[in-house]
Amino acid sequence: MNKISLILLLGFTLVGCESLYDDGGIPRIRSQKQVDAYNATVSANNDKLVCTREKSTTSNIRQFVCMTIGQQARMAEESREEVRRISRQ
């Protein structure tokens, strides 16, 4: 009985900790199914989400990282501009 109480307490603590993070009112996307549901509601190709599981430099736990196609294109262009800037110096 004592072990069950301890497990329940730990579970409730973990669930409570999850609510400490502010998501700005936007629910976090955690699966490809949610991505597909979102993409079904968006008509512009640049607004569609593309998600990957990426390993953080500070943790071994992979995170589900999502960006729109437009965001990816902007990041790629900014990276190319930065490389050009550095190569000119």
N, C-alpha and C. Protein backbone atom coordinates (compact mmCIF):
# COMPACT_ATOMS: atom_id res chain seq x y z
N MET A 1 0.83 -1.19 0.00
CA MET A 1 0.00 0.00 0.00
C MET A 1 0.87 1.25 0.00
N ASN A 2 1.97 1.19 0.70
CA ASN A 2 2.87 2.33 0.80
C ASN A 2 3.49 2.64 -0.57
N LYS A 3 3.85 1.60 -1.33
CA LYS A 3 4.44 1.80 -2.65
C LYS A 3 3.45 2.44 -3.61
N ILE A 4 2.19 2.00 -3.53
CA ILE A 4 1.16 2.56 -4.40
C ILE A 4 0.96 4.04 -4.11
N SER A 5 0.94 4.40 -2.84
CA SER A 5 0.79 5.81 -2.46
C SER A 5 1.96 6.64 -2.98
N LEU A 6 3.16 6.09 -2.87
CA LEU A 6 4.34 6.80 -3.33
C LEU A 6 4.30 6.99 -4.85
N ILE A 7 3.89 5.97 -5.58
CA ILE A 7 3.79 6.06 -7.04
C ILE A 7 2.74 7.09 -7.44
N LEU A 8 1.60 7.08 -6.77
CA LEU A 8 0.55 8.07 -7.07
C LEU A 8 1.03 9.48 -6.77
N LEU A 9 1.72 9.67 -5.67
CA LEU A 9 2.24 10.98 -5.31
C LEU A 9 3.23 11.47 -6.37
N LEU A 10 4.11 10.59 -6.81
CA LEU A 10 5.07 10.95 -7.84
C LEU A 10 4.36 11.31 -9.15
N GLY A 11 3.36 10.53 -9.51
CA GLY A 11 2.59 10.81 -10.73
C GLY A 11 1.90 12.16 -10.68
N PHE A 12 1.25 12.46 -9.55
CA PHE A 12 0.58 13.75 -9.41
C PHE A 12 1.58 14.90 -9.42
N THR A 13 2.74 14.69 -8.85
CA THR A 13 3.77 15.72 -8.85
C THR A 13 4.24 16.02 -10.27
N LEU A 14 4.46 14.98 -11.05
CA LEU A 14 4.90 15.18 -12.43
C LEU A 14 3.83 15.88 -13.26
N VAL A 15 2.59 15.52 -13.07
CA VAL A 15 1.50 16.17 -13.80
C VAL A 15 1.40 17.63 -13.39
N GLY A 16 1.58 17.90 -12.12
CA GLY A 16 1.54 19.28 -11.63
C GLY A 16 2.68 20.11 -12.19
N CYS A 17 3.84 19.53 -12.33
CA CYS A 17 5.00 20.26 -12.88
C CYS A 17 4.77 20.62 -14.34
N GLU A 18 4.08 19.80 -15.07
CA GLU A 18 3.81 20.07 -16.48
C GLU A 18 3.01 21.35 -16.64
N SER A 19 2.13 21.65 -15.68
CA SER A 19 1.29 22.83 -15.79
C SER A 19 2.04 24.11 -15.45
N LEU A 20 3.27 24.02 -14.96
CA LEU A 20 4.04 25.21 -14.62
C LEU A 20 4.55 25.94 -15.86
N TYR A 21 4.69 25.24 -16.96
CA TYR A 21 5.23 25.84 -18.17
C TYR A 21 4.13 26.57 -18.93
N ASP A 22 4.39 27.83 -19.25
CA ASP A 22 3.42 28.65 -19.96
C ASP A 22 3.50 28.36 -21.45
N ASP A 23 2.39 27.96 -22.03
CA ASP A 23 2.38 27.66 -23.46
C ASP A 23 1.74 28.79 -24.27
N GLY A 24 1.45 29.90 -23.60
CA GLY A 24 0.89 31.05 -24.30
C GLY A 24 -0.51 30.80 -24.83
N GLY A 25 -1.21 29.81 -24.30
CA GLY A 25 -2.55 29.50 -24.76
C GLY A 25 -2.58 28.62 -25.99
N ILE A 26 -1.40 28.28 -26.52
CA ILE A 26 -1.32 27.42 -27.70
C ILE A 26 -0.93 26.03 -27.25
N PRO A 27 -1.75 25.04 -27.52
CA PRO A 27 -1.41 23.68 -27.08
C PRO A 27 -0.18 23.16 -27.80
N ARG A 28 0.65 22.43 -27.10
CA ARG A 28 1.87 21.87 -27.67
C ARG A 28 1.55 20.70 -28.58
N ILE A 29 2.17 20.67 -29.74
CA ILE A 29 1.97 19.57 -30.68
C ILE A 29 2.94 18.46 -30.29
N ARG A 30 2.41 17.27 -30.09
CA ARG A 30 3.24 16.18 -29.58
C ARG A 30 3.26 14.95 -30.49
N SER A 31 2.50 14.97 -31.58
CA SER A 31 2.47 13.78 -32.44
C SER A 31 2.23 14.18 -33.89
N GLN A 32 2.58 13.27 -34.77
CA GLN A 32 2.36 13.51 -36.20
C GLN A 32 0.87 13.59 -36.52
N LYS A 33 0.06 12.90 -35.75
CA LYS A 33 -1.39 12.96 -35.95
C LYS A 33 -1.90 14.39 -35.73
N GLN A 34 -1.38 15.06 -34.71
CA GLN A 34 -1.77 16.45 -34.44
C GLN A 34 -1.27 17.37 -35.56
N VAL A 35 -0.08 17.10 -36.08
CA VAL A 35 0.46 17.89 -37.20
C VAL A 35 -0.44 17.74 -38.41
N ASP A 36 -0.82 16.51 -38.73
CA ASP A 36 -1.69 16.26 -39.88
C ASP A 36 -3.04 16.97 -39.72
N ALA A 37 -3.57 16.97 -38.50
CA ALA A 37 -4.85 17.64 -38.24
C ALA A 37 -4.70 19.14 -38.44
N TYR A 38 -3.60 19.71 -37.98
CA TYR A 38 -3.36 21.14 -38.16
C TYR A 38 -3.20 21.47 -39.64
N ASN A 39 -2.38 20.69 -40.34
CA ASN A 39 -2.13 20.94 -41.76
C ASN A 39 -3.40 20.83 -42.60
N ALA A 40 -4.36 20.04 -42.15
CA ALA A 40 -5.63 19.92 -42.87
C ALA A 40 -6.45 21.21 -42.78
N THR A 41 -6.18 22.04 -41.76
CA THR A 41 -6.93 23.29 -41.59
C THR A 41 -6.27 24.48 -42.27
N VAL A 42 -5.04 24.29 -42.77
CA VAL A 42 -4.28 25.40 -43.36
C VAL A 42 -4.27 25.25 -44.88
N SER A 43 -4.54 26.35 -45.58
CA SER A 43 -4.57 26.26 -47.04
C SER A 43 -3.25 26.67 -47.69
N ALA A 44 -2.55 27.65 -47.12
CA ALA A 44 -1.28 28.11 -47.70
C ALA A 44 -0.16 27.11 -47.42
N ASN A 45 0.61 26.80 -48.44
CA ASN A 45 1.69 25.82 -48.31
C ASN A 45 2.75 26.28 -47.31
N ASN A 46 3.04 27.61 -47.28
CA ASN A 46 4.04 28.15 -46.36
C ASN A 46 3.63 28.04 -44.91
N ASP A 47 2.35 27.86 -44.63
CA ASP A 47 1.86 27.77 -43.25
C ASP A 47 1.75 26.34 -42.74
N LYS A 48 2.06 25.37 -43.57
CA LYS A 48 1.98 23.98 -43.14
C LYS A 48 3.16 23.65 -42.23
N LEU A 49 2.90 22.81 -41.22
CA LEU A 49 3.93 22.43 -40.26
C LEU A 49 4.73 21.24 -40.75
N VAL A 50 6.03 21.27 -40.46
CA VAL A 50 6.91 20.13 -40.68
C VAL A 50 7.60 19.89 -39.33
N CYS A 51 7.45 18.69 -38.80
CA CYS A 51 8.00 18.39 -37.48
C CYS A 51 9.02 17.27 -37.55
N THR A 52 10.05 17.39 -36.73
CA THR A 52 11.09 16.36 -36.63
C THR A 52 11.41 16.12 -35.17
N ARG A 53 11.98 14.98 -34.90
CA ARG A 53 12.48 14.71 -33.56
C ARG A 53 13.97 15.02 -33.56
N GLU A 54 14.36 15.99 -32.73
CA GLU A 54 15.74 16.43 -32.70
C GLU A 54 16.34 16.24 -31.31
N LYS A 55 17.61 15.87 -31.29
CA LYS A 55 18.32 15.69 -30.04
C LYS A 55 18.91 17.02 -29.62
N SER A 56 18.64 17.42 -28.41
CA SER A 56 19.15 18.67 -27.88
C SER A 56 20.62 18.53 -27.52
N THR A 57 21.34 19.64 -27.52
CA THR A 57 22.75 19.59 -27.14
C THR A 57 22.92 19.42 -25.63
N THR A 58 21.87 19.73 -24.88
CA THR A 58 21.96 19.64 -23.42
C THR A 58 21.31 18.40 -22.84
N SER A 59 20.68 17.58 -23.68
CA SER A 59 19.96 16.42 -23.17
C SER A 59 19.98 15.30 -24.19
N ASN A 60 19.86 14.07 -23.72
CA ASN A 60 19.77 12.93 -24.62
C ASN A 60 18.33 12.66 -25.06
N ILE A 61 17.41 13.38 -24.49
CA ILE A 61 16.00 13.19 -24.81
C ILE A 61 15.66 13.96 -26.07
N ARG A 62 15.12 13.27 -27.06
CA ARG A 62 14.74 13.93 -28.32
C ARG A 62 13.48 14.75 -28.12
N GLN A 63 13.44 15.90 -28.76
CA GLN A 63 12.29 16.78 -28.66
C GLN A 63 11.59 16.84 -30.02
N PHE A 64 10.29 17.01 -29.99
CA PHE A 64 9.48 17.15 -31.19
C PHE A 64 9.50 18.62 -31.56
N VAL A 65 10.23 18.99 -32.61
CA VAL A 65 10.39 20.38 -33.02
C VAL A 65 9.60 20.62 -34.29
N CYS A 66 8.75 21.65 -34.27
CA CYS A 66 7.90 21.96 -35.42
C CYS A 66 8.16 23.37 -35.91
N MET A 67 8.19 23.52 -37.23
CA MET A 67 8.30 24.82 -37.89
C MET A 67 7.44 24.79 -39.13
N THR A 68 7.00 25.97 -39.53
CA THR A 68 6.27 26.03 -40.79
C THR A 68 7.28 26.00 -41.93
N ILE A 69 6.78 25.71 -43.12
CA ILE A 69 7.66 25.69 -44.29
C ILE A 69 8.24 27.08 -44.53
N GLY A 70 7.44 28.12 -44.27
CA GLY A 70 7.91 29.50 -44.40
C GLY A 70 9.03 29.81 -43.42
N GLN A 71 8.91 29.34 -42.17
CA GLN A 71 9.96 29.55 -41.18
C GLN A 71 11.24 28.85 -41.60
N GLN A 72 11.12 27.64 -42.11
CA GLN A 72 12.31 26.91 -42.57
C GLN A 72 13.00 27.65 -43.71
N ALA A 73 12.22 28.20 -44.63
CA ALA A 73 12.79 28.93 -45.75
C ALA A 73 13.50 30.20 -45.28
N ARG A 74 12.88 30.92 -44.32
CA ARG A 74 13.52 32.12 -43.78
C ARG A 74 14.81 31.79 -43.06
N MET A 75 14.81 30.72 -42.27
CA MET A 75 16.02 30.32 -41.56
C MET A 75 17.13 29.94 -42.53
N ALA A 76 16.78 29.23 -43.60
CA ALA A 76 17.77 28.85 -44.60
C ALA A 76 18.36 30.08 -45.28
N GLU A 77 17.52 31.04 -45.62
CA GLU A 77 17.99 32.27 -46.27
C GLU A 77 18.88 33.07 -45.30
N GLU A 78 18.48 33.18 -44.04
CA GLU A 78 19.30 33.89 -43.05
C GLU A 78 20.65 33.21 -42.88
N SER A 79 20.67 31.90 -42.91
CA SER A 79 21.94 31.16 -42.79
C SER A 79 22.83 31.42 -43.99
N ARG A 80 22.25 31.41 -45.19
CA ARG A 80 23.03 31.70 -46.39
C ARG A 80 23.60 33.12 -46.35
N GLU A 81 22.79 34.08 -45.90
CA GLU A 81 23.26 35.46 -45.79
C GLU A 81 24.41 35.56 -44.77
N GLU A 82 24.30 34.87 -43.67
CA GLU A 82 25.36 34.89 -42.65
C GLU A 82 26.66 34.29 -43.21
N VAL A 83 26.55 33.21 -43.96
CA VAL A 83 27.74 32.60 -44.57
C VAL A 83 28.36 33.57 -45.58
N ARG A 84 27.53 34.25 -46.38
CA ARG A 84 28.05 35.24 -47.33
C ARG A 84 28.75 36.38 -46.61
N ARG A 85 28.15 36.85 -45.52
CA ARG A 85 28.72 37.95 -44.77
C ARG A 85 30.08 37.56 -44.19
N ILE A 86 30.17 36.37 -43.65
CA ILE A 86 31.41 35.91 -43.05
C ILE A 86 32.48 35.69 -44.11
N SER A 87 32.10 35.17 -45.27
CA SER A 87 33.07 34.90 -46.32
C SER A 87 33.62 36.17 -46.95
N ARG A 88 32.87 37.28 -46.88
CA ARG A 88 33.34 38.55 -47.42
C ARG A 88 34.41 39.18 -46.54
N GLN A 89 34.43 38.84 -45.28
CA GLN A 89 35.37 39.47 -44.33
C GLN A 89 36.75 38.93 -44.46
